[in-house]
Amino acid sequence: MAEITASMVKELRERTGAGMMECKKALTENNGDIQAAADWLRKTGLAKADKKANRVAAEGRIAMAQAAGKAVLVEINSETDFVAKDANFLAFTEEVAKTALDSGAQDAEALKAAKMGAGTVDEARQGLVAKVGENVQVRRVARMESAGNTIGAYVHGGRIGVLVEVKGGNEELARGLAMHVAAMNPPYISPAHVPADFVAREKEIALAQVKDSGKPAEILEKMISGKIAKTLAEISLTGQPYVLDTNVTVEAALKAAGGAEVLSFVRLAVGEGIEKQADDFHAEVMKQAGLA
């Protein structure tokens, strides 16, 4: 009997979309022959997701689960927005988010192997693929835990999810800040968190813009400093106008809440970073008509 290695199981999973235990069993039944194991999975109906596994899944939903001191976001993708609104898909995402919270899974691979119902998350995913007829993928997990601070969690329309850890303040403030991050998508917490190379590059650009103005050096320095400060405020959470009260900045809102401080945040948006296939319907029709 050939030794069944983890890399063999991984390769078979990627080829067939079947669960880890099913792949291991298939390899055992076929003496480590990956092609024979893949055929065996198809014959036994465990590789129903096989032909769909390579199709781009860039739609989907961000699901959230929260309990005292911890919260998770999970991105689960489908091929179309239609399936993303399907009752079966929605129920699956809610159950996966709860499983992520309870299991302590730190990433998608650990979550897919986590126990859910009578099997694993990935086995349930395969069942959903067979039911909805589309590629479905558990893509990302974001987790935040804190014993002494407040965690704000917010999901907007199932498309954007945010977790924020706040020292001081209260749950209302933390949720409001999560809403702000969802709406404004600031790259950094404060100007102090902006990388030095970014600041240096902005200074170089600002200098190039004003160097021929004919103004004295001290005036140019003030102009450049002002431009940099404005830019850093625009890309920092604390420098932006607070979406729940645009008359004040987030920094002012934090001070008004007794000097609260944002320690970290994470923001997930459905499909970000996935290259979507652009359908050329004209070319497709021409091809089917034999004119291309």
C-alpha atoms as a PDB file:
ATOM      1  CA  MET A   1       0.000   0.000   0.000  1.00  0.00           C
ATOM      2  CA  ALA A   2       1.419   3.350  -1.059  1.00  0.00           C
ATOM      3  CA  GLU A   3       1.870   5.985   1.658  1.00  0.00           C
ATOM      4  CA  ILE A   4      -0.882   8.612   1.539  1.00  0.00           C
ATOM      5  CA  THR A   5       0.759  11.998   2.121  1.00  0.00           C
ATOM      6  CA  ALA A   6      -0.794  15.350   2.973  1.00  0.00           C
ATOM      7  CA  SER A   7       0.373  16.791  -0.358  1.00  0.00           C
ATOM      8  CA  MET A   8      -1.443  13.997  -2.229  1.00  0.00           C
ATOM      9  CA  VAL A   9      -4.641  14.740  -0.331  1.00  0.00           C
ATOM     10  CA  LYS A  10      -4.247  18.471  -1.019  1.00  0.00           C
ATOM     11  CA  GLU A  11      -3.739  17.889  -4.751  1.00  0.00           C
ATOM     12  CA  LEU A  12      -6.777  15.643  -4.976  1.00  0.00           C
ATOM     13  CA  ARG A  13      -8.904  18.165  -3.074  1.00  0.00           C
ATOM     14  CA  GLU A  14      -7.871  20.924  -5.461  1.00  0.00           C
ATOM     15  CA  ARG A  15      -8.659  18.765  -8.487  1.00  0.00           C
ATOM     16  CA  THR A  16     -12.038  17.484  -7.327  1.00  0.00           C
ATOM     17  CA  GLY A  17     -13.380  19.873  -4.696  1.00  0.00           C
ATOM     18  CA  ALA A  18     -14.116  16.868  -2.469  1.00  0.00           C
ATOM     19  CA  GLY A  19     -13.603  16.910   1.311  1.00  0.00           C
ATOM     20  CA  MET A  20     -10.342  16.014   3.011  1.00  0.00           C
ATOM     21  CA  MET A  21     -11.550  12.734   4.498  1.00  0.00           C
ATOM     22  CA  GLU A  22     -13.181  11.686   1.210  1.00  0.00           C
ATOM     23  CA  CYS A  23      -9.930  12.379  -0.649  1.00  0.00           C
ATOM     24  CA  LYS A  24      -7.917  10.380   1.854  1.00  0.00           C
ATOM     25  CA  LYS A  25     -10.340   7.473   1.553  1.00  0.00           C
ATOM     26  CA  ALA A  26     -10.274   7.666  -2.246  1.00  0.00           C
ATOM     27  CA  LEU A  27      -6.459   7.564  -2.276  1.00  0.00           C
ATOM     28  CA  THR A  28      -6.447   4.629   0.124  1.00  0.00           C
ATOM     29  CA  GLU A  29      -8.978   2.752  -2.005  1.00  0.00           C
ATOM     30  CA  ASN A  30      -6.849   3.368  -5.123  1.00  0.00           C
ATOM     31  CA  ASN A  31      -3.377   2.747  -3.711  1.00  0.00           C
ATOM     32  CA  GLY A  32      -2.323   6.386  -3.946  1.00  0.00           C
ATOM     33  CA  ASP A  33      -3.150   6.803  -7.635  1.00  0.00           C
ATOM     34  CA  ILE A  34      -4.455  10.386  -7.839  1.00  0.00           C
ATOM     35  CA  GLN A  35      -6.144  10.032 -11.229  1.00  0.00           C
ATOM     36  CA  ALA A  36      -7.841   6.789 -10.208  1.00  0.00           C
ATOM     37  CA  ALA A  37      -8.876   8.389  -6.922  1.00  0.00           C
ATOM     38  CA  ALA A  38     -10.366  11.365  -8.797  1.00  0.00           C
ATOM     39  CA  ASP A  39     -12.331   8.991 -11.022  1.00  0.00           C
ATOM     40  CA  TRP A  40     -13.475   7.048  -7.965  1.00  0.00           C
ATOM     41  CA  LEU A  41     -14.768  10.236  -6.339  1.00  0.00           C
ATOM     42  CA  ARG A  42     -16.690  11.143  -9.477  1.00  0.00           C
ATOM     43  CA  LYS A  43     -18.178   7.656  -9.719  1.00  0.00           C
ATOM     44  CA  THR A  44     -19.303   7.748  -6.089  1.00  0.00           C
ATOM     45  CA  GLY A  45     -20.818  11.211  -6.515  1.00  0.00           C
ATOM     46  CA  LEU A  46     -18.458  12.884  -4.053  1.00  0.00           C
ATOM     47  CA  ALA A  47     -16.908  15.125  -6.683  1.00  0.00           C
ATOM     48  CA  LYS A  48     -20.043  16.855  -7.905  1.00  0.00           C
ATOM     49  CA  ALA A  49     -18.278  20.170  -7.486  1.00  0.00           C
ATOM     50  CA  ASP A  50     -15.453  18.986  -9.752  1.00  0.00           C
ATOM     51  CA  LYS A  51     -16.348  20.853 -12.932  1.00  0.00           C
ATOM     52  CA  LYS A  52     -17.344  23.983 -11.034  1.00  0.00           C
ATOM     53  CA  ALA A  53     -14.250  24.279  -8.859  1.00  0.00           C
ATOM     54  CA  ASN A  54     -12.276  26.365 -11.360  1.00  0.00           C
ATOM     55  CA  ARG A  55     -15.060  28.802 -12.207  1.00  0.00           C
ATOM     56  CA  VAL A  56     -14.570  32.340 -10.892  1.00  0.00           C
ATOM     57  CA  ALA A  57     -16.593  33.032  -7.745  1.00  0.00           C
ATOM     58  CA  ALA A  58     -16.406  36.771  -7.111  1.00  0.00           C
ATOM     59  CA  GLU A  59     -19.906  37.451  -5.808  1.00  0.00           C
ATOM     60  CA  GLY A  60     -21.166  36.257  -2.441  1.00  0.00           C
ATOM     61  CA  ARG A  61     -21.636  37.504   1.080  1.00  0.00           C
ATOM     62  CA  ILE A  62     -19.850  38.651   4.213  1.00  0.00           C
ATOM     63  CA  ALA A  63     -21.373  36.940   7.260  1.00  0.00           C
ATOM     64  CA  MET A  64     -20.727  37.968  10.864  1.00  0.00           C
ATOM     65  CA  ALA A  65     -21.018  36.297  14.250  1.00  0.00           C
ATOM     66  CA  GLN A  66     -20.316  37.922  17.617  1.00  0.00           C
ATOM     67  CA  ALA A  67     -20.254  36.993  21.291  1.00  0.00           C
ATOM     68  CA  ALA A  68     -18.819  38.568  24.438  1.00  0.00           C
ATOM     69  CA  GLY A  69     -15.273  39.683  23.698  1.00  0.00           C
ATOM     70  CA  LYS A  70     -14.992  38.192  20.229  1.00  0.00           C
ATOM     71  CA  ALA A  71     -16.331  38.509  16.696  1.00  0.00           C
ATOM     72  CA  VAL A  72     -15.654  37.036  13.261  1.00  0.00           C
ATOM     73  CA  LEU A  73     -16.289  37.915   9.635  1.00  0.00           C
ATOM     74  CA  VAL A  74     -16.392  35.255   6.932  1.00  0.00           C
ATOM     75  CA  GLU A  75     -16.351  35.861   3.189  1.00  0.00           C
ATOM     76  CA  ILE A  76     -18.146  33.165   1.200  1.00  0.00           C
ATOM     77  CA  ASN A  77     -18.192  33.523  -2.560  1.00  0.00           C
ATOM     78  CA  SER A  78     -20.572  32.443  -5.297  1.00  0.00           C
ATOM     79  CA  GLU A  79     -20.451  32.968  -9.047  1.00  0.00           C
ATOM     80  CA  THR A  80     -23.540  35.174  -9.265  1.00  0.00           C
ATOM     81  CA  ASP A  81     -25.409  37.673  -7.143  1.00  0.00           C
ATOM     82  CA  PHE A  82     -28.541  35.606  -7.747  1.00  0.00           C
ATOM     83  CA  VAL A  83     -27.134  32.653  -5.790  1.00  0.00           C
ATOM     84  CA  ALA A  84     -25.720  35.040  -3.156  1.00  0.00           C
ATOM     85  CA  LYS A  85     -29.346  35.920  -2.339  1.00  0.00           C
ATOM     86  CA  ASP A  86     -30.572  32.306  -2.370  1.00  0.00           C
ATOM     87  CA  ALA A  87     -32.071  31.087   0.919  1.00  0.00           C
ATOM     88  CA  ASN A  88     -29.835  28.007   0.955  1.00  0.00           C
ATOM     89  CA  PHE A  89     -26.713  30.127   0.446  1.00  0.00           C
ATOM     90  CA  LEU A  90     -27.758  32.608   3.138  1.00  0.00           C
ATOM     91  CA  ALA A  91     -28.428  29.823   5.649  1.00  0.00           C
ATOM     92  CA  PHE A  92     -25.046  28.276   4.859  1.00  0.00           C
ATOM     93  CA  THR A  93     -23.178  31.557   5.396  1.00  0.00           C
ATOM     94  CA  GLU A  94     -24.866  32.159   8.751  1.00  0.00           C
ATOM     95  CA  GLU A  95     -24.018  28.655   9.949  1.00  0.00           C
ATOM     96  CA  VAL A  96     -20.415  28.967   8.761  1.00  0.00           C
ATOM     97  CA  ALA A  97     -19.996  32.281  10.606  1.00  0.00           C
ATOM     98  CA  LYS A  98     -21.271  30.677  13.841  1.00  0.00           C
ATOM     99  CA  THR A  99     -18.915  27.753  13.310  1.00  0.00           C
ATOM    100  CA  ALA A 100     -16.007  30.144  12.759  1.00  0.00           C
ATOM    101  CA  LEU A 101     -16.795  31.940  16.009  1.00  0.00           C
ATOM    102  CA  ASP A 102     -17.152  28.757  18.065  1.00  0.00           C
ATOM    103  CA  SER A 103     -14.312  26.744  16.509  1.00  0.00           C
ATOM    104  CA  GLY A 104     -11.659  29.421  16.872  1.00  0.00           C
ATOM    105  CA  ALA A 105     -10.590  28.921  13.242  1.00  0.00           C
ATOM    106  CA  GLN A 106      -7.994  31.509  12.266  1.00  0.00           C
ATOM    107  CA  ASP A 107      -8.106  31.061   8.491  1.00  0.00           C
ATOM    108  CA  ALA A 108     -10.218  29.600   5.702  1.00  0.00           C
ATOM    109  CA  GLU A 109      -8.411  26.241   5.598  1.00  0.00           C
ATOM    110  CA  ALA A 110      -8.946  25.642   9.306  1.00  0.00           C
ATOM    111  CA  LEU A 111     -12.569  26.708   8.992  1.00  0.00           C
ATOM    112  CA  LYS A 112     -13.242  24.369   6.064  1.00  0.00           C
ATOM    113  CA  ALA A 113     -11.997  21.461   8.174  1.00  0.00           C
ATOM    114  CA  ALA A 114     -14.082  22.483  11.223  1.00  0.00           C
ATOM    115  CA  LYS A 115     -16.998  20.343  12.351  1.00  0.00           C
ATOM    116  CA  MET A 116     -20.409  21.599  11.233  1.00  0.00           C
ATOM    117  CA  GLY A 117     -23.560  19.534  11.459  1.00  0.00           C
ATOM    118  CA  ALA A 118     -22.983  15.906  10.473  1.00  0.00           C
ATOM    119  CA  GLY A 119     -19.703  16.655   8.685  1.00  0.00           C
ATOM    120  CA  THR A 120     -17.313  19.510   8.037  1.00  0.00           C
ATOM    121  CA  VAL A 121     -17.792  23.002   6.659  1.00  0.00           C
ATOM    122  CA  ASP A 122     -16.223  21.925   3.370  1.00  0.00           C
ATOM    123  CA  GLU A 123     -18.510  18.928   3.058  1.00  0.00           C
ATOM    124  CA  ALA A 124     -21.495  21.198   3.609  1.00  0.00           C
ATOM    125  CA  ARG A 125     -20.061  23.524   0.964  1.00  0.00           C
ATOM    126  CA  GLN A 126     -19.934  20.674  -1.532  1.00  0.00           C
ATOM    127  CA  GLY A 127     -23.532  19.837  -0.793  1.00  0.00           C
ATOM    128  CA  LEU A 128     -24.493  23.458  -1.412  1.00  0.00           C
ATOM    129  CA  VAL A 129     -22.611  23.454  -4.740  1.00  0.00           C
ATOM    130  CA  ALA A 130     -24.633  20.455  -5.860  1.00  0.00           C
ATOM    131  CA  LYS A 131     -27.829  22.187  -4.790  1.00  0.00           C
ATOM    132  CA  VAL A 132     -27.313  25.670  -6.281  1.00  0.00           C
ATOM    133  CA  GLY A 133     -25.306  24.614  -9.327  1.00  0.00           C
ATOM    134  CA  GLU A 134     -22.501  27.144  -8.845  1.00  0.00           C
ATOM    135  CA  ASN A 135     -18.985  27.220  -7.505  1.00  0.00           C
ATOM    136  CA  VAL A 136     -19.094  28.249  -3.830  1.00  0.00           C
ATOM    137  CA  GLN A 137     -15.920  28.996  -1.885  1.00  0.00           C
ATOM    138  CA  VAL A 138     -15.149  29.810   1.750  1.00  0.00           C
ATOM    139  CA  ARG A 139     -12.498  32.425   1.039  1.00  0.00           C
ATOM    140  CA  ARG A 140     -11.518  34.459   4.114  1.00  0.00           C
ATOM    141  CA  VAL A 141     -11.897  34.655   7.872  1.00  0.00           C
ATOM    142  CA  ALA A 142     -11.252  37.747  10.003  1.00  0.00           C
ATOM    143  CA  ARG A 143     -11.248  37.243  13.779  1.00  0.00           C
ATOM    144  CA  MET A 144     -10.955  39.700  16.636  1.00  0.00           C
ATOM    145  CA  GLU A 145     -10.831  38.870  20.333  1.00  0.00           C
ATOM    146  CA  SER A 146     -10.248  41.105  23.356  1.00  0.00           C
ATOM    147  CA  ALA A 147     -10.745  40.516  27.054  1.00  0.00           C
ATOM    148  CA  GLY A 148     -10.660  44.164  28.129  1.00  0.00           C
ATOM    149  CA  ASN A 149     -11.639  46.256  25.109  1.00  0.00           C
ATOM    150  CA  THR A 150     -14.811  46.707  23.085  1.00  0.00           C
ATOM    151  CA  ILE A 151     -15.249  45.118  19.668  1.00  0.00           C
ATOM    152  CA  GLY A 152     -17.556  46.790  17.196  1.00  0.00           C
ATOM    153  CA  ALA A 153     -18.916  44.679  14.337  1.00  0.00           C
ATOM    154  CA  TYR A 154     -20.929  45.804  11.337  1.00  0.00           C
ATOM    155  CA  VAL A 155     -21.985  44.281   8.013  1.00  0.00           C
ATOM    156  CA  HIS A 156     -23.435  46.501   5.302  1.00  0.00           C
ATOM    157  CA  GLY A 157     -25.821  44.767   2.937  1.00  0.00           C
ATOM    158  CA  GLY A 158     -23.885  41.528   3.128  1.00  0.00           C
ATOM    159  CA  ARG A 159     -21.221  43.130   0.918  1.00  0.00           C
ATOM    160  CA  ILE A 160     -18.877  44.860   3.393  1.00  0.00           C
ATOM    161  CA  GLY A 161     -17.949  43.727   6.889  1.00  0.00           C
ATOM    162  CA  VAL A 162     -15.884  45.519   9.545  1.00  0.00           C
ATOM    163  CA  LEU A 163     -14.470  44.690  12.975  1.00  0.00           C
ATOM    164  CA  VAL A 164     -13.044  47.457  15.183  1.00  0.00           C
ATOM    165  CA  GLU A 165     -11.272  47.115  18.537  1.00  0.00           C
ATOM    166  CA  VAL A 166     -11.726  50.168  20.747  1.00  0.00           C
ATOM    167  CA  LYS A 167     -10.086  50.948  24.078  1.00  0.00           C
ATOM    168  CA  GLY A 168     -12.537  52.954  26.157  1.00  0.00           C
ATOM    169  CA  GLY A 169     -15.855  54.253  24.881  1.00  0.00           C
ATOM    170  CA  ASN A 170     -18.824  51.889  24.635  1.00  0.00           C
ATOM    171  CA  GLU A 171     -20.535  49.447  22.265  1.00  0.00           C
ATOM    172  CA  GLU A 172     -22.447  52.215  20.513  1.00  0.00           C
ATOM    173  CA  LEU A 173     -19.233  54.074  19.701  1.00  0.00           C
ATOM    174  CA  ALA A 174     -17.494  50.882  18.561  1.00  0.00           C
ATOM    175  CA  ARG A 175     -20.354  50.021  16.212  1.00  0.00           C
ATOM    176  CA  GLY A 176     -20.441  53.587  14.905  1.00  0.00           C
ATOM    177  CA  LEU A 177     -16.731  53.419  14.135  1.00  0.00           C
ATOM    178  CA  ALA A 178     -17.258  50.101  12.337  1.00  0.00           C
ATOM    179  CA  MET A 179     -19.947  51.791  10.225  1.00  0.00           C
ATOM    180  CA  HIS A 180     -17.513  54.618   9.472  1.00  0.00           C
ATOM    181  CA  VAL A 181     -14.799  52.206   8.308  1.00  0.00           C
ATOM    182  CA  ALA A 182     -17.345  50.407   6.123  1.00  0.00           C
ATOM    183  CA  ALA A 183     -18.373  53.676   4.472  1.00  0.00           C
ATOM    184  CA  MET A 184     -15.026  55.489   4.180  1.00  0.00           C
ATOM    185  CA  ASN A 185     -12.506  52.634   3.953  1.00  0.00           C
ATOM    186  CA  PRO A 186      -9.563  54.462   5.581  1.00  0.00           C
ATOM    187  CA  PRO A 187      -6.238  52.669   4.973  1.00  0.00           C
ATOM    188  CA  TYR A 188      -4.757  53.733   8.340  1.00  0.00           C
ATOM    189  CA  ILE A 189      -5.893  54.413  11.904  1.00  0.00           C
ATOM    190  CA  SER A 190      -4.087  57.756  12.271  1.00  0.00           C
ATOM    191  CA  PRO A 191      -1.398  59.847  10.531  1.00  0.00           C
ATOM    192  CA  ALA A 192       1.142  58.239  12.846  1.00  0.00           C
ATOM    193  CA  HIS A 193       0.361  54.856  11.259  1.00  0.00           C
ATOM    194  CA  VAL A 194       1.081  56.030   7.697  1.00  0.00           C
ATOM    195  CA  PRO A 195       4.363  54.526   6.390  1.00  0.00           C
ATOM    196  CA  ALA A 196       7.331  56.911   6.232  1.00  0.00           C
ATOM    197  CA  ASP A 197       8.004  56.135   2.560  1.00  0.00           C
ATOM    198  CA  PHE A 198       4.471  57.230   1.659  1.00  0.00           C
ATOM    199  CA  VAL A 199       4.949  60.526   3.527  1.00  0.00           C
ATOM    200  CA  ALA A 200       8.325  61.095   1.830  1.00  0.00           C
ATOM    201  CA  ARG A 201       6.808  60.484  -1.591  1.00  0.00           C
ATOM    202  CA  GLU A 202       3.955  62.910  -0.901  1.00  0.00           C
ATOM    203  CA  LYS A 203       6.429  65.566   0.218  1.00  0.00           C
ATOM    204  CA  GLU A 204       8.391  65.112  -2.994  1.00  0.00           C
ATOM    205  CA  ILE A 205       5.237  65.517  -5.069  1.00  0.00           C
ATOM    206  CA  ALA A 206       4.110  68.558  -3.088  1.00  0.00           C
ATOM    207  CA  LEU A 207       7.508  70.188  -3.494  1.00  0.00           C
ATOM    208  CA  ALA A 208       7.438  69.646  -7.262  1.00  0.00           C
ATOM    209  CA  GLN A 209       4.008  71.278  -7.410  1.00  0.00           C
ATOM    210  CA  VAL A 210       5.054  74.509  -5.670  1.00  0.00           C
ATOM    211  CA  LYS A 211       8.791  74.907  -6.368  1.00  0.00           C
ATOM    212  CA  ASP A 212       8.240  77.293  -9.298  1.00  0.00           C
ATOM    213  CA  SER A 213       5.740  79.470  -7.488  1.00  0.00           C
ATOM    214  CA  GLY A 214       8.337  82.121  -6.642  1.00  0.00           C
ATOM    215  CA  LYS A 215       7.300  82.192  -2.976  1.00  0.00           C
ATOM    216  CA  PRO A 216       9.857  82.427  -0.133  1.00  0.00           C
ATOM    217  CA  ALA A 217      11.247  79.153   1.271  1.00  0.00           C
ATOM    218  CA  GLU A 218       9.465  79.505   4.622  1.00  0.00           C
ATOM    219  CA  ILE A 219       6.123  79.983   2.850  1.00  0.00           C
ATOM    220  CA  LEU A 220       6.788  76.974   0.626  1.00  0.00           C
ATOM    221  CA  GLU A 221       7.551  74.889   3.712  1.00  0.00           C
ATOM    222  CA  LYS A 222       4.230  75.856   5.263  1.00  0.00           C
ATOM    223  CA  MET A 223       2.394  75.109   2.023  1.00  0.00           C
ATOM    224  CA  ILE A 224       3.997  71.674   1.766  1.00  0.00           C
ATOM    225  CA  SER A 225       3.314  70.883   5.428  1.00  0.00           C
ATOM    226  CA  GLY A 226      -0.307  71.878   4.945  1.00  0.00           C
ATOM    227  CA  LYS A 227      -0.678  69.669   1.875  1.00  0.00           C
ATOM    228  CA  ILE A 228       0.853  66.679   3.681  1.00  0.00           C
ATOM    229  CA  ALA A 229      -1.301  67.174   6.777  1.00  0.00           C
ATOM    230  CA  LYS A 230      -4.443  67.332   4.616  1.00  0.00           C
ATOM    231  CA  THR A 231      -3.493  64.173   2.724  1.00  0.00           C
ATOM    232  CA  LEU A 232      -2.697  62.214   5.885  1.00  0.00           C
ATOM    233  CA  ALA A 233      -5.977  63.298   7.469  1.00  0.00           C
ATOM    234  CA  GLU A 234      -7.924  62.132   4.408  1.00  0.00           C
ATOM    235  CA  ILE A 235      -6.449  58.623   4.481  1.00  0.00           C
ATOM    236  CA  SER A 236      -6.564  58.195   8.273  1.00  0.00           C
ATOM    237  CA  LEU A 237      -9.573  57.084  10.286  1.00  0.00           C
ATOM    238  CA  THR A 238      -9.017  59.670  13.008  1.00  0.00           C
ATOM    239  CA  GLY A 239      -8.662  62.550  10.552  1.00  0.00           C
ATOM    240  CA  GLN A 240     -11.848  61.914   8.591  1.00  0.00           C
ATOM    241  CA  PRO A 241     -15.225  63.562   9.295  1.00  0.00           C
ATOM    242  CA  TYR A 242     -17.209  61.078  11.394  1.00  0.00           C
ATOM    243  CA  VAL A 243     -20.001  59.605   9.250  1.00  0.00           C
ATOM    244  CA  LEU A 244     -22.480  59.694  12.147  1.00  0.00           C
ATOM    245  CA  ASP A 245     -21.740  63.383  12.798  1.00  0.00           C
ATOM    246  CA  THR A 246     -19.863  65.061   9.951  1.00  0.00           C
ATOM    247  CA  ASN A 247     -19.438  68.246  12.020  1.00  0.00           C
ATOM    248  CA  VAL A 248     -16.642  66.520  13.943  1.00  0.00           C
ATOM    249  CA  THR A 249     -13.714  64.297  13.030  1.00  0.00           C
ATOM    250  CA  VAL A 250     -13.364  60.755  14.295  1.00  0.00           C
ATOM    251  CA  GLU A 251     -10.536  61.993  16.511  1.00  0.00           C
ATOM    252  CA  ALA A 252     -12.888  64.536  18.106  1.00  0.00           C
ATOM    253  CA  ALA A 253     -15.564  61.876  18.584  1.00  0.00           C
ATOM    254  CA  LEU A 254     -13.035  59.653  20.358  1.00  0.00           C
ATOM    255  CA  LYS A 255     -11.974  62.495  22.655  1.00  0.00           C
ATOM    256  CA  ALA A 256     -15.614  63.263  23.450  1.00  0.00           C
ATOM    257  CA  ALA A 257     -16.019  59.624  24.495  1.00  0.00           C
ATOM    258  CA  GLY A 258     -13.521  60.049  27.311  1.00  0.00           C
ATOM    259  CA  GLY A 259     -10.392  59.703  25.227  1.00  0.00           C
ATOM    260  CA  ALA A 260     -11.271  56.402  23.568  1.00  0.00           C
ATOM    261  CA  GLU A 261      -8.707  54.904  21.198  1.00  0.00           C
ATOM    262  CA  VAL A 262      -9.008  52.703  18.111  1.00  0.00           C
ATOM    263  CA  LEU A 263      -6.460  49.901  18.451  1.00  0.00           C
ATOM    264  CA  SER A 264      -7.159  48.013  15.225  1.00  0.00           C
ATOM    265  CA  PHE A 265      -9.715  47.387  12.532  1.00  0.00           C
ATOM    266  CA  VAL A 266     -10.272  44.998   9.640  1.00  0.00           C
ATOM    267  CA  ARG A 267     -12.528  45.497   6.628  1.00  0.00           C
ATOM    268  CA  LEU A 268     -13.644  42.829   4.151  1.00  0.00           C
ATOM    269  CA  ALA A 269     -15.497  43.538   0.907  1.00  0.00           C
ATOM    270  CA  VAL A 270     -16.985  40.791  -1.241  1.00  0.00           C
ATOM    271  CA  GLY A 271     -14.800  39.844  -4.173  1.00  0.00           C
ATOM    272  CA  GLU A 272     -11.978  42.342  -3.570  1.00  0.00           C
ATOM    273  CA  GLY A 273      -8.790  41.073  -5.136  1.00  0.00           C
ATOM    274  CA  ILE A 274     -10.576  38.508  -7.309  1.00  0.00           C
ATOM    275  CA  GLU A 275     -10.196  39.011 -11.023  1.00  0.00           C
ATOM    276  CA  LYS A 276     -13.672  38.856 -12.481  1.00  0.00           C
ATOM    277  CA  GLN A 277     -14.235  37.491 -15.957  1.00  0.00           C
ATOM    278  CA  ALA A 278     -15.707  40.074 -18.287  1.00  0.00           C
ATOM    279  CA  ASP A 279     -18.236  38.465 -20.577  1.00  0.00           C
ATOM    280  CA  ASP A 280     -18.121  39.603 -24.192  1.00  0.00           C
ATOM    281  CA  PHE A 281     -21.681  38.796 -25.223  1.00  0.00           C
ATOM    282  CA  HIS A 282     -21.174  40.031 -28.788  1.00  0.00           C
ATOM    283  CA  ALA A 283     -18.215  37.693 -29.278  1.00  0.00           C
ATOM    284  CA  GLU A 284     -20.122  34.822 -27.672  1.00  0.00           C
ATOM    285  CA  VAL A 285     -23.115  35.271 -29.998  1.00  0.00           C
ATOM    286  CA  MET A 286     -20.847  35.548 -33.035  1.00  0.00           C
ATOM    287  CA  LYS A 287     -19.044  32.392 -31.988  1.00  0.00           C
ATOM    288  CA  GLN A 288     -22.249  30.432 -31.536  1.00  0.00           C
ATOM    289  CA  ALA A 289     -23.488  31.670 -34.896  1.00  0.00           C
ATOM    290  CA  GLY A 290     -20.299  30.457 -36.550  1.00  0.00           C
ATOM    291  CA  LEU A 291     -19.320  33.988 -37.569  1.00  0.00           C
ATOM    292  CA  ALA A 292     -16.221  34.312 -35.435  1.00  0.00           C
END
